[in-house]
C-alpha atoms as a PDB file:
ATOM      1  CA  UNK A   1     323.336 118.253 184.677  1.00  0.00           C
ATOM      2  CA  UNK A   2     320.661 115.957 183.617  1.00  0.00           C
ATOM      3  CA  UNK A   3     320.373 112.538 184.635  1.00  0.00           C
ATOM      4  CA  UNK A   4     322.583 109.937 181.939  1.00  0.00           C
ATOM      5  CA  UNK A   5     323.334 106.826 181.603  1.00  0.00           C
ATOM      6  CA  UNK A   6     326.678 105.490 182.798  1.00  0.00           C
ATOM      7  CA  UNK A   7     328.970 104.631 179.815  1.00  0.00           C
ATOM      8  CA  UNK A   8     331.492 101.840 179.943  1.00  0.00           C
ATOM      9  CA  UNK A   9     335.179 102.936 179.219  1.00  0.00           C
ATOM     10  CA  UNK A  10     334.882 101.026 175.671  1.00  0.00           C
ATOM     11  CA  UNK A  11     332.232 103.436 174.966  1.00  0.00           C
ATOM     12  CA  UNK A  12     329.690 100.867 175.016  1.00  0.00           C
ATOM     13  CA  UNK A  13     326.269 102.028 176.580  1.00  0.00           C
ATOM     14  CA  UNK A  14     326.368  99.603 179.574  1.00  0.00           C
ATOM     15  CA  UNK A  15     324.548 101.091 182.215  1.00  0.00           C
ATOM     16  CA  UNK A  16     324.772 101.545 185.922  1.00  0.00           C
ATOM     17  CA  UNK A  17     322.463 102.532 187.985  1.00  0.00           C
ATOM     18  CA  UNK A  18     323.007 104.610 191.629  1.00  0.00           C
ATOM     19  CA  UNK A  19     320.878 104.031 194.526  1.00  0.00           C
ATOM     20  CA  UNK A  20     318.972 107.294 193.350  1.00  0.00           C
ATOM     21  CA  UNK A  21     318.084 105.686 190.087  1.00  0.00           C
ATOM     22  CA  UNK A  22     320.154 107.956 187.879  1.00  0.00           C
ATOM     23  CA  UNK A  23     322.896 107.187 185.878  1.00  0.00           C
ATOM     24  CA  UNK A  24     326.721 108.255 185.778  1.00  0.00           C
ATOM     25  CA  UNK A  25     329.526 108.473 183.273  1.00  0.00           C
ATOM     26  CA  UNK A  26     332.262 105.452 183.956  1.00  0.00           C
ATOM     27  CA  UNK A  27     335.597 106.127 185.354  1.00  0.00           C
ATOM     28  CA  UNK A  28     338.048 106.557 182.793  1.00  0.00           C
ATOM     29  CA  UNK A  29     341.053 105.624 185.122  1.00  0.00           C
ATOM     30  CA  UNK A  30     342.712 103.028 182.519  1.00  0.00           C
ATOM     31  CA  UNK A  31     345.911 103.145 180.617  1.00  0.00           C
ATOM     32  CA  UNK A  32     345.992 103.073 176.545  1.00  0.00           C
ATOM     33  CA  UNK A  33     345.309 105.944 174.395  1.00  0.00           C
ATOM     34  CA  UNK A  34     345.499 109.356 176.007  1.00  0.00           C
ATOM     35  CA  UNK A  35     343.217 110.330 178.835  1.00  0.00           C
ATOM     36  CA  UNK A  36     342.148 113.695 177.126  1.00  0.00           C
ATOM     37  CA  UNK A  37     341.293 111.405 173.555  1.00  0.00           C
ATOM     38  CA  UNK A  38     339.499 109.139 176.150  1.00  0.00           C
ATOM     39  CA  UNK A  39     337.249 111.623 177.764  1.00  0.00           C
ATOM     40  CA  UNK A  40     336.587 112.987 174.261  1.00  0.00           C
ATOM     41  CA  UNK A  41     335.294 109.473 173.032  1.00  0.00           C
ATOM     42  CA  UNK A  42     333.334 109.090 176.130  1.00  0.00           C
ATOM     43  CA  UNK A  43     331.147 112.637 175.834  1.00  0.00           C
ATOM     44  CA  UNK A  44     331.129 111.807 172.020  1.00  0.00           C
ATOM     45  CA  UNK A  45     329.442 108.739 172.659  1.00  0.00           C
ATOM     46  CA  UNK A  46     327.184 109.918 175.179  1.00  0.00           C
ATOM     47  CA  UNK A  47     326.054 112.865 172.915  1.00  0.00           C
ATOM     48  CA  UNK A  48     325.769 110.375 169.946  1.00  0.00           C
ATOM     49  CA  UNK A  49     323.661 107.780 171.804  1.00  0.00           C
ATOM     50  CA  UNK A  50     321.601 110.583 173.476  1.00  0.00           C
ATOM     51  CA  UNK A  51     322.590 110.146 176.860  1.00  0.00           C
ATOM     52  CA  UNK A  52     323.436 113.862 176.831  1.00  0.00           C
ATOM     53  CA  UNK A  53     321.303 115.764 175.024  1.00  0.00           C
ATOM     54  CA  UNK A  54     321.372 119.074 173.073  1.00  0.00           C
ATOM     55  CA  UNK A  55     320.887 121.852 175.553  1.00  0.00           C
ATOM     56  CA  UNK A  56     322.037 119.909 178.648  1.00  0.00           C
ATOM     57  CA  UNK A  57     324.499 121.672 180.911  1.00  0.00           C
ATOM     58  CA  UNK A  58     327.660 120.411 181.665  1.00  0.00           C
ATOM     59  CA  UNK A  59     329.020 121.033 185.132  1.00  0.00           C
ATOM     60  CA  UNK A  60     332.768 120.359 185.387  1.00  0.00           C
ATOM     61  CA  UNK A  61     332.819 119.258 189.253  1.00  0.00           C
ATOM     62  CA  UNK A  62     330.235 116.680 188.031  1.00  0.00           C
ATOM     63  CA  UNK A  63     332.266 115.367 185.118  1.00  0.00           C
ATOM     64  CA  UNK A  64     335.372 115.438 187.088  1.00  0.00           C
ATOM     65  CA  UNK A  65     333.668 113.069 189.712  1.00  0.00           C
ATOM     66  CA  UNK A  66     331.856 110.492 187.269  1.00  0.00           C
ATOM     67  CA  UNK A  67     334.946 110.193 185.400  1.00  0.00           C
ATOM     68  CA  UNK A  68     337.530 110.260 187.711  1.00  0.00           C
ATOM     69  CA  UNK A  69     339.612 112.311 185.802  1.00  0.00           C
ATOM     70  CA  UNK A  70     341.540 115.668 187.131  1.00  0.00           C
ATOM     71  CA  UNK A  71     339.966 119.428 185.926  1.00  0.00           C
ATOM     72  CA  UNK A  72     343.165 120.004 183.698  1.00  0.00           C
ATOM     73  CA  UNK A  73     342.155 116.913 181.639  1.00  0.00           C
ATOM     74  CA  UNK A  74     338.691 117.555 181.714  1.00  0.00           C
ATOM     75  CA  UNK A  75     339.186 121.018 180.588  1.00  0.00           C
ATOM     76  CA  UNK A  76     341.628 120.157 177.708  1.00  0.00           C
ATOM     77  CA  UNK A  77     338.810 117.757 176.408  1.00  0.00           C
ATOM     78  CA  UNK A  78     336.341 120.201 176.466  1.00  0.00           C
ATOM     79  CA  UNK A  79     337.908 122.849 174.714  1.00  0.00           C
ATOM     80  CA  UNK A  80     338.291 120.652 171.938  1.00  0.00           C
ATOM     81  CA  UNK A  81     334.907 119.518 171.639  1.00  0.00           C
ATOM     82  CA  UNK A  82     334.058 123.424 171.830  1.00  0.00           C
ATOM     83  CA  UNK A  83     336.508 124.176 168.936  1.00  0.00           C
ATOM     84  CA  UNK A  84     334.451 122.028 167.130  1.00  0.00           C
ATOM     85  CA  UNK A  85     331.241 123.265 168.047  1.00  0.00           C
ATOM     86  CA  UNK A  86     329.888 120.169 169.762  1.00  0.00           C
ATOM     87  CA  UNK A  87     329.865 122.343 172.971  1.00  0.00           C
ATOM     88  CA  UNK A  88     329.189 125.682 173.727  1.00  0.00           C
ATOM     89  CA  UNK A  89     329.384 128.454 176.085  1.00  0.00           C
ATOM     90  CA  UNK A  90     326.357 130.959 177.200  1.00  0.00           C
ATOM     91  CA  UNK A  91     326.716 134.438 177.719  1.00  0.00           C
ATOM     92  CA  UNK A  92     326.503 133.514 181.778  1.00  0.00           C
ATOM     93  CA  UNK A  93     329.407 130.912 180.917  1.00  0.00           C
ATOM     94  CA  UNK A  94     327.765 127.882 181.314  1.00  0.00           C
ATOM     95  CA  UNK A  95     328.682 124.830 179.069  1.00  0.00           C
ATOM     96  CA  UNK A  96     326.320 122.796 177.519  1.00  0.00           C
ATOM     97  CA  UNK A  97     325.506 120.504 174.283  1.00  0.00           C
ATOM     98  CA  UNK A  98     325.308 122.973 171.466  1.00  0.00           C
ATOM     99  CA  UNK A  99     321.510 122.849 169.946  1.00  0.00           C
ATOM    100  CA  UNK A 100     321.523 122.912 166.188  1.00  0.00           C
ATOM    101  CA  UNK A 101     319.493 125.340 164.138  1.00  0.00           C
ATOM    102  CA  UNK A 102     317.303 123.912 161.559  1.00  0.00           C
ATOM    103  CA  UNK A 103     319.463 125.770 158.785  1.00  0.00           C
ATOM    104  CA  UNK A 104     322.607 124.613 160.312  1.00  0.00           C
ATOM    105  CA  UNK A 105     321.388 121.113 159.796  1.00  0.00           C
ATOM    106  CA  UNK A 106     320.207 121.454 156.510  1.00  0.00           C
ATOM    107  CA  UNK A 107     323.651 122.579 155.763  1.00  0.00           C
ATOM    108  CA  UNK A 108     325.214 119.640 157.700  1.00  0.00           C
ATOM    109  CA  UNK A 109     323.289 116.894 156.044  1.00  0.00           C
ATOM    110  CA  UNK A 110     324.394 118.603 152.507  1.00  0.00           C
ATOM    111  CA  UNK A 111     327.999 118.624 153.540  1.00  0.00           C
ATOM    112  CA  UNK A 112     327.929 115.180 154.716  1.00  0.00           C
ATOM    113  CA  UNK A 113     326.133 114.031 151.409  1.00  0.00           C
ATOM    114  CA  UNK A 114     329.298 115.382 149.420  1.00  0.00           C
ATOM    115  CA  UNK A 115     331.891 113.716 151.881  1.00  0.00           C
ATOM    116  CA  UNK A 116     330.294 110.132 151.634  1.00  0.00           C
ATOM    117  CA  UNK A 117     330.023 110.421 148.002  1.00  0.00           C
ATOM    118  CA  UNK A 118     333.800 111.051 147.790  1.00  0.00           C
ATOM    119  CA  UNK A 119     334.540 108.042 150.292  1.00  0.00           C
ATOM    120  CA  UNK A 120     332.542 105.770 148.668  1.00  0.00           C
ATOM    121  CA  UNK A 121     334.288 106.826 145.093  1.00  0.00           C
ATOM    122  CA  UNK A 122     337.740 106.687 147.079  1.00  0.00           C
ATOM    123  CA  UNK A 123     336.835 103.233 148.326  1.00  0.00           C
ATOM    124  CA  UNK A 124     336.132 101.806 144.886  1.00  0.00           C
ATOM    125  CA  UNK A 125     339.707 103.365 143.516  1.00  0.00           C
ATOM    126  CA  UNK A 126     341.475 102.049 146.432  1.00  0.00           C
ATOM    127  CA  UNK A 127     340.170  99.571 148.794  1.00  0.00           C
ATOM    128  CA  UNK A 128     341.514  95.879 148.461  1.00  0.00           C
ATOM    129  CA  UNK A 129     339.352  92.621 147.284  1.00  0.00           C
ATOM    130  CA  UNK A 130     339.894  91.816 150.728  1.00  0.00           C
ATOM    131  CA  UNK A 131     338.191  95.032 152.174  1.00  0.00           C
ATOM    132  CA  UNK A 132     335.397  95.264 149.731  1.00  0.00           C
ATOM    133  CA  UNK A 133     334.444  91.310 151.232  1.00  0.00           C
ATOM    134  CA  UNK A 134     334.501  92.801 154.766  1.00  0.00           C
ATOM    135  CA  UNK A 135     332.627  95.811 153.767  1.00  0.00           C
ATOM    136  CA  UNK A 136     330.097  92.874 152.387  1.00  0.00           C
ATOM    137  CA  UNK A 137     329.979  91.171 155.428  1.00  0.00           C
ATOM    138  CA  UNK A 138     329.630  94.497 157.704  1.00  0.00           C
ATOM    139  CA  UNK A 139     326.719  95.820 155.141  1.00  0.00           C
ATOM    140  CA  UNK A 140     325.067  92.247 156.464  1.00  0.00           C
ATOM    141  CA  UNK A 141     325.318  93.106 160.136  1.00  0.00           C
ATOM    142  CA  UNK A 142     324.285  96.987 159.639  1.00  0.00           C
ATOM    143  CA  UNK A 143     321.020  95.584 157.873  1.00  0.00           C
ATOM    144  CA  UNK A 144     320.118  93.073 160.815  1.00  0.00           C
ATOM    145  CA  UNK A 145     320.335  95.988 163.037  1.00  0.00           C
ATOM    146  CA  UNK A 146     317.989  97.715 160.913  1.00  0.00           C
ATOM    147  CA  UNK A 147     315.676  94.933 161.293  1.00  0.00           C
ATOM    148  CA  UNK A 148     316.146  94.488 164.932  1.00  0.00           C
ATOM    149  CA  UNK A 149     314.962  97.646 165.266  1.00  0.00           C
ATOM    150  CA  UNK A 150     317.099  99.111 168.042  1.00  0.00           C
ATOM    151  CA  UNK A 151     318.501 102.371 167.724  1.00  0.00           C
ATOM    152  CA  UNK A 152     321.802 101.798 169.602  1.00  0.00           C
ATOM    153  CA  UNK A 153     322.310  98.739 167.296  1.00  0.00           C
ATOM    154  CA  UNK A 154     322.123 100.507 164.591  1.00  0.00           C
ATOM    155  CA  UNK A 155     324.090 103.769 165.553  1.00  0.00           C
ATOM    156  CA  UNK A 156     326.973 100.993 166.134  1.00  0.00           C
ATOM    157  CA  UNK A 157     326.327  99.495 162.945  1.00  0.00           C
ATOM    158  CA  UNK A 158     326.166 102.493 160.957  1.00  0.00           C
ATOM    159  CA  UNK A 159     329.518 103.461 162.557  1.00  0.00           C
ATOM    160  CA  UNK A 160     331.005 100.095 162.206  1.00  0.00           C
ATOM    161  CA  UNK A 161     330.075 100.195 158.533  1.00  0.00           C
ATOM    162  CA  UNK A 162     331.574 103.760 157.523  1.00  0.00           C
ATOM    163  CA  UNK A 163     334.580 102.748 159.522  1.00  0.00           C
ATOM    164  CA  UNK A 164     335.069 100.251 156.697  1.00  0.00           C
ATOM    165  CA  UNK A 165     334.435 102.736 153.938  1.00  0.00           C
ATOM    166  CA  UNK A 166     336.888 105.098 155.211  1.00  0.00           C
ATOM    167  CA  UNK A 167     339.545 102.815 155.730  1.00  0.00           C
ATOM    168  CA  UNK A 168     339.290 101.287 152.388  1.00  0.00           C
ATOM    169  CA  UNK A 169     339.081 104.803 151.261  1.00  0.00           C
ATOM    170  CA  UNK A 170     342.387 105.624 153.277  1.00  0.00           C
ATOM    171  CA  UNK A 171     340.756 108.909 154.124  1.00  0.00           C
ATOM    172  CA  UNK A 172     340.526 109.188 157.910  1.00  0.00           C
ATOM    173  CA  UNK A 173     340.213 113.406 157.373  1.00  0.00           C
ATOM    174  CA  UNK A 174     336.874 112.678 155.665  1.00  0.00           C
ATOM    175  CA  UNK A 175     336.098 110.107 158.629  1.00  0.00           C
ATOM    176  CA  UNK A 176     336.328 112.905 161.259  1.00  0.00           C
ATOM    177  CA  UNK A 177     334.543 115.188 159.516  1.00  0.00           C
ATOM    178  CA  UNK A 178     331.697 113.399 158.949  1.00  0.00           C
ATOM    179  CA  UNK A 179     331.477 112.024 162.508  1.00  0.00           C
ATOM    180  CA  UNK A 180     331.516 115.907 163.674  1.00  0.00           C
ATOM    181  CA  UNK A 181     328.572 116.427 161.752  1.00  0.00           C
ATOM    182  CA  UNK A 182     326.866 113.527 162.740  1.00  0.00           C
ATOM    183  CA  UNK A 183     327.422 114.337 166.145  1.00  0.00           C
ATOM    184  CA  UNK A 184     325.755 117.817 165.653  1.00  0.00           C
ATOM    185  CA  UNK A 185     322.670 116.163 164.236  1.00  0.00           C
ATOM    186  CA  UNK A 186     322.604 113.536 166.498  1.00  0.00           C
ATOM    187  CA  UNK A 187     319.253 113.820 167.914  1.00  0.00           C
ATOM    188  CA  UNK A 188     317.627 114.237 164.408  1.00  0.00           C
ATOM    189  CA  UNK A 189     319.387 110.843 163.239  1.00  0.00           C
ATOM    190  CA  UNK A 190     318.115 109.065 166.415  1.00  0.00           C
ATOM    191  CA  UNK A 191     314.564 110.620 165.578  1.00  0.00           C
ATOM    192  CA  UNK A 192     315.123 109.305 161.739  1.00  0.00           C
ATOM    193  CA  UNK A 193     316.437 105.817 162.563  1.00  0.00           C
ATOM    194  CA  UNK A 194     313.537 105.217 165.122  1.00  0.00           C
ATOM    195  CA  UNK A 195     311.246 105.332 162.213  1.00  0.00           C
ATOM    196  CA  UNK A 196     310.207 102.199 160.977  1.00  0.00           C
ATOM    197  CA  UNK A 197     309.735 103.675 157.348  1.00  0.00           C
ATOM    198  CA  UNK A 198     313.204 104.641 157.418  1.00  0.00           C
ATOM    199  CA  UNK A 199     314.545 101.488 158.560  1.00  0.00           C
ATOM    200  CA  UNK A 200     313.100  99.753 155.883  1.00  0.00           C
ATOM    201  CA  UNK A 201     313.943 102.323 153.008  1.00  0.00           C
ATOM    202  CA  UNK A 202     317.838 102.184 154.957  1.00  0.00           C
ATOM    203  CA  UNK A 203     317.889  98.477 154.197  1.00  0.00           C
ATOM    204  CA  UNK A 204     317.450  98.841 150.435  1.00  0.00           C
ATOM    205  CA  UNK A 205     320.079 101.895 150.178  1.00  0.00           C
ATOM    206  CA  UNK A 206     322.395  99.535 151.740  1.00  0.00           C
ATOM    207  CA  UNK A 207     321.819  97.292 149.133  1.00  0.00           C
ATOM    208  CA  UNK A 208     321.911  99.595 146.086  1.00  0.00           C
ATOM    209  CA  UNK A 209     325.244 101.242 147.312  1.00  0.00           C
ATOM    210  CA  UNK A 210     326.994  97.689 148.039  1.00  0.00           C
ATOM    211  CA  UNK A 211     325.702  96.566 144.918  1.00  0.00           C
ATOM    212  CA  UNK A 212     327.376  99.765 143.055  1.00  0.00           C
ATOM    213  CA  UNK A 213     330.619  99.311 145.224  1.00  0.00           C
ATOM    214  CA  UNK A 214     330.938  95.613 144.124  1.00  0.00           C
ATOM    215  CA  UNK A 215     330.591  96.582 140.422  1.00  0.00           C
ATOM    216  CA  UNK A 216     333.166  99.359 140.959  1.00  0.00           C
ATOM    217  CA  UNK A 217     330.588 101.613 139.516  1.00  0.00           C
ATOM    218  CA  UNK A 218     331.928 104.912 141.074  1.00  0.00           C
ATOM    219  CA  UNK A 219     328.990 107.093 139.374  1.00  0.00           C
ATOM    220  CA  UNK A 220     325.967 104.801 140.870  1.00  0.00           C
ATOM    221  CA  UNK A 221     327.954 104.516 144.221  1.00  0.00           C
ATOM    222  CA  UNK A 222     328.389 108.236 144.777  1.00  0.00           C
ATOM    223  CA  UNK A 223     324.867 108.532 143.543  1.00  0.00           C
ATOM    224  CA  UNK A 224     323.572 105.877 145.993  1.00  0.00           C
ATOM    225  CA  UNK A 225     325.539 107.730 148.787  1.00  0.00           C
ATOM    226  CA  UNK A 226     323.896 111.205 148.328  1.00  0.00           C
ATOM    227  CA  UNK A 227     320.441 109.567 147.982  1.00  0.00           C
ATOM    228  CA  UNK A 228     321.288 107.869 151.337  1.00  0.00           C
ATOM    229  CA  UNK A 229     322.018 110.975 153.341  1.00  0.00           C
ATOM    230  CA  UNK A 230     319.235 113.266 151.382  1.00  0.00           C
ATOM    231  CA  UNK A 231     316.555 110.691 152.460  1.00  0.00           C
ATOM    232  CA  UNK A 232     318.066 110.892 155.826  1.00  0.00           C
ATOM    233  CA  UNK A 233     317.669 114.648 156.000  1.00  0.00           C
ATOM    234  CA  UNK A 234     314.236 114.381 154.742  1.00  0.00           C
ATOM    235  CA  UNK A 235     313.186 112.349 157.392  1.00  0.00           C
ATOM    236  CA  UNK A 236     315.044 113.658 160.239  1.00  0.00           C
ATOM    237  CA  UNK A 237     313.892 117.191 159.324  1.00  0.00           C
ATOM    238  CA  UNK A 238     310.045 116.246 158.674  1.00  0.00           C
END
């Protein structure tokens, strides 16, 4: 398996290096949520941040040793990620991170545009004034992350921003679908976010979206959300 940085158990991207200079996934020996959920969360985060690139081979023995989990728990988690299309088996039964085709990527972005338009509309319909204020504060942090030029900060900021929207929209199912689509296009997303032009464009798009939401203008918010994804797709696939 390709060398990866060590992930903290809270899914942050802090890194611990071995003597050979290679990173490792962190042990998940903690109580709280189910072990399977924490394994899935750790692997999702590794894929999202590029610690595990598309095509990277996953070796059960290595993952069990790094995460300090049983093979049974690991296989349950891997099976769920495979069912979502995030992981795939080759004809020789080698498990790896799925590689997405251009056509599938284009479809993923188009579906995302529809889903994000839906959740901003539902946010306007259902969110309280307090939730709106919280979203405005989250948007400020997101714009700050774009200005920093730090892709990992942007990923964290975008996740928090859309988490707020989905919470206010009261639609966790949509959030789950969006997250799966984002994972499938994670390498393209990071490529897009790394571009200065896209960072500057994204700041403007956040302002347009927030303005529409603050006015409770569902039509303008839907349009802003779809434009945001369309521009992301254009940048990622160019």
